[in-house]
Amino acid sequence: MTKRSGFVTLVGRPNTGKSTLVNALVGQKIAAVTHHPQTTRTHLLGVVNLPGAQIVLVDTPGVHRGRGRLNREMARSVRAGLEGRDLALFLTDVSRPWGAEDAMALELLKGEGAPPVFLLLNKMDLLPRRDDLLPLIAAHKERYAFAEVVPLSALRRENLDELTRLMVQYLPAGPAFFEAGQTTDQPEKFLIAEIIREQAMLATREEIPHALAVRIEADEMKRSRGKPLRVLRAALVCERPGQKAILIGRGGATLKALGTAARTQLETVLGVHLFLELQVLVREDWREGPQAAADIDFRHLR
């Protein structure tokens, strides 16, 4: 029986490695990870099952300055991810200087009733000298009374055991919230869309990311040469004809390449042979329309 359990929210400015950390702690991909900021658009739950403990991780969108309906929905998602939590993890990227968005993220953690906050100094593998760590820790401690300080590298899985040990210590006694073996609250369709979106973002570099949504249009099982074959059809939704051209690429090369990469990952995650058909649709200013929240919230995916 689980002796300790609780909810732990990750907060930080964009691109500090929150989704990478969630995936590493859970032990499988449940959140899209790219070099683009704002990859995460809603709060995701990852479940870490341990002997005698269950940690429920809440990954939130990176805190940043922005306008528009989509950005407002992402800010709301961050605030919702902090309500009633047992612990918060404040991530910083040691390879970048402290900035206004770091300060905005930290401000969200202050106030009456705030949970204990760990300072996670992520991307330690990018720090030129380990001697630079102590001044960083001292500067951060002047900004907030952190309960614990943990240097780590989520990408290289360095010091994650220590982080896990400390998180368990701070969790209250109680039963598990999720069944043993469950690693996320996200439906499979959401994870499929996230993997496709991740590969599209990686393929298009800086040109598309924020203007892209993925919608699963069809999902069915068939048989091919006597073997089961899962057939998925998805739409990449962008805002401009020029963005559509970038996603498709010359002679369809970009769409074919990102489709192949997404199919390879999906076959690994889902454990089935897969046929993936992609199309690109233009929906002008979809981020500003009333459906914007639905496009980033798994509960509305269809």
Protein backbone atom coordinates (compact mmCIF):
# COMPACT_ATOMS: atom_id res chain seq x y z
CA MET A 1 0.00 0.00 0.00
CA THR A 2 1.25 3.48 -0.86
CA LYS A 3 2.38 5.35 2.25
CA ARG A 4 3.04 8.74 0.68
CA SER A 5 1.39 10.43 -2.29
CA GLY A 6 0.82 13.91 -3.60
CA PHE A 7 0.79 16.40 -6.44
CA VAL A 8 3.96 18.20 -7.53
CA THR A 9 3.78 21.12 -9.99
CA LEU A 10 6.66 22.17 -12.24
CA VAL A 11 6.96 25.89 -12.95
CA GLY A 12 9.47 27.92 -14.92
CA ARG A 13 9.96 30.13 -17.93
CA PRO A 14 9.85 28.54 -21.40
CA ASN A 15 12.48 26.01 -22.42
CA THR A 16 13.86 25.23 -18.96
CA GLY A 17 13.34 21.49 -19.46
CA LYS A 18 10.11 20.85 -17.54
CA SER A 19 8.69 18.38 -20.05
CA THR A 20 12.04 16.62 -20.38
CA LEU A 21 12.13 16.22 -16.59
CA VAL A 22 8.57 14.84 -16.46
CA ASN A 23 9.37 12.29 -19.17
CA ALA A 24 12.59 11.28 -17.40
CA LEU A 25 10.94 10.83 -14.00
CA VAL A 26 7.94 8.93 -15.39
CA GLY A 27 10.18 6.77 -17.56
CA GLN A 28 8.38 7.33 -20.86
CA LYS A 29 7.37 10.13 -23.19
CA ILE A 30 4.13 11.79 -22.17
CA ALA A 31 4.94 15.39 -23.15
CA ALA A 32 6.27 16.94 -26.34
CA VAL A 33 9.89 18.08 -26.12
CA THR A 34 11.61 20.34 -28.64
CA HIS A 35 14.12 23.18 -28.62
CA HIS A 36 11.22 25.60 -29.19
CA PRO A 37 9.82 27.50 -26.22
CA GLN A 38 6.15 26.99 -25.36
CA THR A 39 6.03 23.37 -26.49
CA THR A 40 3.68 22.52 -23.60
CA ARG A 41 0.31 24.23 -23.99
CA THR A 42 -1.75 22.77 -21.17
CA HIS A 43 -0.98 21.15 -17.84
CA LEU A 44 -0.07 17.47 -18.15
CA LEU A 45 -0.12 14.88 -15.40
CA GLY A 46 2.68 12.33 -15.18
CA VAL A 47 2.53 9.58 -12.56
CA VAL A 48 5.69 8.23 -10.90
CA ASN A 49 5.04 4.94 -9.09
CA LEU A 50 7.59 4.00 -6.43
CA PRO A 51 7.74 1.42 -3.65
CA GLY A 52 5.64 3.03 -0.92
CA ALA A 53 5.00 6.29 -2.79
CA GLN A 54 3.26 7.85 -5.77
CA ILE A 55 4.29 11.24 -7.17
CA VAL A 56 1.83 12.97 -9.50
CA LEU A 57 3.74 15.50 -11.60
CA VAL A 58 1.90 18.47 -13.11
CA ASP A 59 3.78 19.94 -16.08
CA THR A 60 2.67 23.50 -16.90
CA PRO A 61 3.29 25.80 -19.88
CA GLY A 62 6.36 28.02 -19.63
CA VAL A 63 5.59 31.38 -18.01
CA HIS A 64 6.14 34.18 -20.49
CA ARG A 65 4.91 37.57 -21.64
CA GLY A 66 2.34 37.22 -24.40
CA ARG A 67 -0.99 38.34 -25.78
CA GLY A 68 -4.01 36.68 -27.33
CA ARG A 69 -6.53 34.04 -26.37
CA LEU A 70 -4.07 31.15 -26.58
CA ASN A 71 -1.57 32.86 -24.27
CA ARG A 72 -4.33 33.72 -21.80
CA GLU A 73 -5.44 30.09 -21.76
CA MET A 74 -1.86 28.95 -21.16
CA ALA A 75 -1.51 31.40 -18.24
CA ARG A 76 -4.75 30.08 -16.78
CA SER A 77 -3.37 26.57 -17.12
CA VAL A 78 -0.28 27.49 -15.08
CA ARG A 79 -2.39 28.97 -12.28
CA ALA A 80 -4.69 25.93 -12.27
CA GLY A 81 -1.66 23.66 -12.06
CA LEU A 82 -0.66 25.30 -8.77
CA GLU A 83 -3.97 25.02 -6.95
CA GLY A 84 -3.95 22.65 -3.99
CA ARG A 85 -0.49 21.21 -4.70
CA ASP A 86 1.71 19.56 -2.09
CA LEU A 87 5.00 20.69 -3.60
CA ALA A 88 6.30 22.91 -6.41
CA LEU A 89 9.46 22.56 -8.47
CA PHE A 90 10.88 25.83 -9.80
CA LEU A 91 13.13 25.10 -12.78
CA THR A 92 15.86 27.38 -14.03
CA ASP A 93 18.24 26.89 -16.95
CA VAL A 94 21.79 27.39 -15.67
CA SER A 95 23.03 28.10 -19.20
CA ARG A 96 20.93 31.29 -19.41
CA PRO A 97 20.99 34.40 -17.21
CA TRP A 98 18.11 35.21 -14.87
CA GLY A 99 15.43 37.19 -16.70
CA ALA A 100 12.00 38.82 -16.42
CA GLU A 101 10.20 35.58 -17.26
CA ASP A 102 12.04 33.74 -14.48
CA ALA A 103 10.86 36.45 -12.08
CA MET A 104 7.28 36.13 -13.37
CA ALA A 105 7.34 32.37 -12.84
CA LEU A 106 8.75 32.69 -9.33
CA GLU A 107 6.13 35.31 -8.42
CA LEU A 108 3.39 32.74 -9.10
CA LEU A 109 4.80 30.59 -6.29
CA LYS A 110 4.61 33.28 -3.64
CA GLY A 111 1.72 34.06 -1.35
CA GLU A 112 -0.34 32.64 1.48
CA GLY A 113 -0.87 28.92 1.33
CA ALA A 114 1.94 28.38 -1.20
CA PRO A 115 3.43 24.86 -1.11
CA PRO A 116 7.11 24.21 -0.34
CA VAL A 117 9.24 25.04 -3.38
CA PHE A 118 12.34 23.21 -4.61
CA LEU A 119 14.86 25.09 -6.74
CA LEU A 120 15.99 22.87 -9.62
CA LEU A 121 19.10 24.07 -11.42
CA ASN A 122 18.61 22.23 -14.70
CA LYS A 123 20.98 21.65 -17.64
CA MET A 124 24.01 21.30 -15.41
CA ASP A 125 25.75 19.53 -18.29
CA LEU A 126 25.84 22.91 -20.10
CA LEU A 127 27.57 24.77 -17.26
CA PRO A 128 31.18 25.52 -18.31
CA ARG A 129 32.55 25.04 -14.77
CA ARG A 130 30.98 23.40 -11.75
CA ASP A 131 32.60 26.14 -9.67
CA ASP A 132 30.01 28.52 -11.16
CA LEU A 133 27.24 26.66 -9.33
CA LEU A 134 27.72 28.13 -5.83
CA PRO A 135 27.28 31.79 -6.89
CA LEU A 136 24.11 30.79 -8.80
CA ILE A 137 22.66 29.06 -5.75
CA ALA A 138 23.49 32.04 -3.54
CA ALA A 139 21.80 34.47 -5.96
CA HIS A 140 18.64 32.33 -6.15
CA LYS A 141 18.40 31.96 -2.38
CA GLU A 142 18.20 35.74 -2.08
CA ARG A 143 15.11 35.68 -4.28
CA TYR A 144 13.13 33.02 -2.39
CA ALA A 145 13.30 30.76 0.66
CA PHE A 146 13.54 27.48 -1.24
CA ALA A 147 12.92 24.32 0.76
CA GLU A 148 15.60 22.40 -1.17
CA VAL A 149 18.11 23.08 -3.94
CA VAL A 150 18.84 20.33 -6.47
CA PRO A 151 21.31 20.71 -9.36
CA LEU A 152 20.51 18.25 -12.14
CA SER A 153 20.41 17.42 -15.83
CA ALA A 154 17.01 16.11 -16.88
CA LEU A 155 18.30 15.25 -20.35
CA ARG A 156 21.15 13.13 -19.00
CA ARG A 157 19.14 11.91 -16.00
CA GLU A 158 21.78 13.22 -13.58
CA ASN A 159 20.78 13.55 -9.90
CA LEU A 160 17.18 12.44 -10.50
CA ASP A 161 17.41 9.83 -7.75
CA GLU A 162 18.22 12.54 -5.22
CA LEU A 163 15.34 14.70 -6.48
CA THR A 164 12.94 11.77 -6.20
CA ARG A 165 14.10 10.97 -2.66
CA LEU A 166 13.54 14.55 -1.53
CA MET A 167 10.11 14.80 -3.18
CA VAL A 168 8.90 11.70 -1.38
CA GLN A 169 10.04 13.18 1.96
CA TYR A 170 7.82 16.23 1.42
CA LEU A 171 4.68 14.36 0.35
CA PRO A 172 1.89 13.73 2.87
CA ALA A 173 0.83 10.28 3.96
CA GLY A 174 -1.97 8.87 1.88
CA PRO A 175 -3.08 6.28 -0.67
CA ALA A 176 -2.31 6.32 -4.39
CA PHE A 177 -4.39 8.57 -6.64
CA PHE A 178 -3.87 6.40 -9.74
CA GLU A 179 -3.72 2.69 -10.42
CA ALA A 180 -0.33 0.99 -10.30
CA GLY A 181 1.24 1.07 -13.74
CA GLN A 182 -0.64 4.17 -14.90
CA THR A 183 1.79 6.85 -16.04
CA THR A 184 -0.47 9.70 -17.16
CA ASP A 185 -4.02 10.98 -17.07
CA GLN A 186 -3.88 11.88 -20.75
CA PRO A 187 -5.97 9.89 -23.21
CA GLU A 188 -4.09 8.08 -25.95
CA LYS A 189 -5.42 10.41 -28.63
CA PHE A 190 -3.80 13.39 -26.92
CA LEU A 191 -0.43 11.63 -26.76
CA ILE A 192 -0.67 10.75 -30.45
CA ALA A 193 -1.36 14.38 -31.33
CA GLU A 194 1.54 15.56 -29.14
CA ILE A 195 4.02 13.25 -30.86
CA ILE A 196 2.91 14.43 -34.31
CA ARG A 197 3.08 18.09 -33.22
CA GLU A 198 6.54 17.56 -31.74
CA GLN A 199 7.88 16.16 -35.01
CA ALA A 200 6.27 18.96 -37.01
CA MET A 201 7.91 21.55 -34.76
CA LEU A 202 11.30 19.87 -35.07
CA ALA A 203 10.97 19.69 -38.86
CA THR A 204 10.02 23.35 -39.33
CA ARG A 205 12.45 24.89 -36.83
CA GLU A 206 11.53 28.50 -35.99
CA GLU A 207 8.89 29.12 -38.67
CA ILE A 208 5.74 27.35 -37.47
CA PRO A 209 5.60 26.31 -33.78
CA HIS A 210 3.06 28.64 -32.16
CA ALA A 211 0.74 28.59 -35.18
CA LEU A 212 0.36 24.81 -35.21
CA ALA A 213 -2.30 22.50 -33.83
CA VAL A 214 -2.86 18.79 -34.51
CA ARG A 215 -6.27 17.17 -34.78
CA ILE A 216 -6.84 13.43 -34.98
CA GLU A 217 -9.46 12.90 -37.69
CA ALA A 218 -9.67 9.08 -37.82
CA ASP A 219 -8.32 6.11 -35.86
CA GLU A 220 -9.20 2.54 -36.83
CA MET A 221 -7.78 -0.97 -36.83
CA LYS A 222 -7.45 -2.92 -40.08
CA ARG A 223 -5.56 -5.94 -41.31
CA SER A 224 -2.76 -5.88 -43.86
CA ARG A 225 -1.33 -9.14 -45.19
CA GLY A 226 -3.06 -10.92 -42.36
CA LYS A 227 -1.53 -8.70 -39.65
CA PRO A 228 -3.19 -5.97 -37.57
CA LEU A 229 -2.53 -2.44 -38.80
CA ARG A 230 -3.62 0.73 -37.03
CA VAL A 231 -4.62 3.50 -39.43
CA LEU A 232 -4.39 7.08 -38.18
CA ARG A 233 -5.36 10.20 -40.08
CA ALA A 234 -4.41 13.58 -38.65
CA ALA A 235 -4.62 17.21 -39.71
CA LEU A 236 -1.88 19.76 -39.08
CA VAL A 237 -3.72 23.06 -38.64
CA CYS A 238 -1.82 26.29 -39.33
CA GLU A 239 -2.79 29.93 -39.84
CA ARG A 240 -1.37 30.99 -43.21
CA PRO A 241 -0.92 29.51 -46.71
CA GLY A 242 2.80 30.25 -46.39
CA GLN A 243 2.95 28.10 -43.25
CA LYS A 244 1.18 25.30 -45.10
CA ALA A 245 3.83 25.46 -47.81
CA ILE A 246 6.59 25.18 -45.18
CA LEU A 247 4.93 22.17 -43.53
CA ILE A 248 4.51 20.39 -46.86
CA GLY A 249 7.93 21.32 -48.24
CA ARG A 250 9.20 21.02 -51.78
CA GLY A 251 7.51 18.09 -53.41
CA GLY A 252 5.99 17.11 -50.06
CA ALA A 253 9.43 16.28 -48.62
CA THR A 254 8.95 17.95 -45.20
CA LEU A 255 5.52 16.42 -44.59
CA LYS A 256 6.81 12.99 -45.60
CA ALA A 257 9.86 13.25 -43.33
CA LEU A 258 7.95 14.44 -40.25
CA GLY A 259 5.29 11.80 -40.90
CA THR A 260 7.93 9.06 -41.00
CA ALA A 261 9.52 10.32 -37.77
CA ALA A 262 6.13 10.54 -36.03
CA ARG A 263 5.10 7.08 -37.22
CA THR A 264 8.34 5.55 -35.94
CA GLN A 265 7.82 7.07 -32.48
CA LEU A 266 4.15 6.15 -32.40
CA GLU A 267 4.87 2.52 -33.26
CA THR A 268 7.29 2.38 -30.34
CA VAL A 269 4.89 4.04 -27.90
CA LEU A 270 1.74 2.20 -29.03
CA GLY A 271 3.37 -1.14 -29.78
CA VAL A 272 1.57 -1.66 -33.10
CA HIS A 273 2.29 -1.39 -36.82
CA LEU A 274 0.95 1.92 -38.02
CA PHE A 275 -0.14 3.71 -41.16
CA LEU A 276 -0.13 7.49 -40.63
CA GLU A 277 -1.78 9.83 -43.10
CA LEU A 278 -1.25 13.57 -42.65
CA GLN A 279 -2.86 16.56 -44.26
CA VAL A 280 -2.26 20.28 -43.75
CA LEU A 281 -5.17 22.68 -43.27
CA VAL A 282 -5.20 26.47 -43.08
CA ARG A 283 -7.46 28.08 -40.48
CA GLU A 284 -6.68 31.76 -40.20
CA ASP A 285 -6.04 33.09 -36.69
CA TRP A 286 -7.22 29.88 -35.02
CA ARG A 287 -5.41 30.93 -31.83
CA GLU A 288 -7.67 33.97 -31.47
CA GLY A 289 -10.98 32.22 -32.11
CA PRO A 290 -13.37 30.76 -29.52
CA GLN A 291 -12.08 27.27 -30.34
CA ALA A 292 -8.50 28.13 -29.30
CA ALA A 293 -8.86 26.56 -25.86
CA ALA A 294 -10.28 23.38 -27.39
CA ASP A 295 -7.24 23.05 -29.63
CA ILE A 296 -4.89 22.86 -26.65
CA ASP A 297 -7.03 20.90 -24.22
CA PHE A 298 -7.16 17.12 -24.45
CA ARG A 299 -10.72 17.09 -23.11
CA HIS A 300 -11.95 18.68 -26.35
CA LEU A 301 -9.91 16.66 -28.85
CA ARG A 302 -11.96 14.62 -31.24
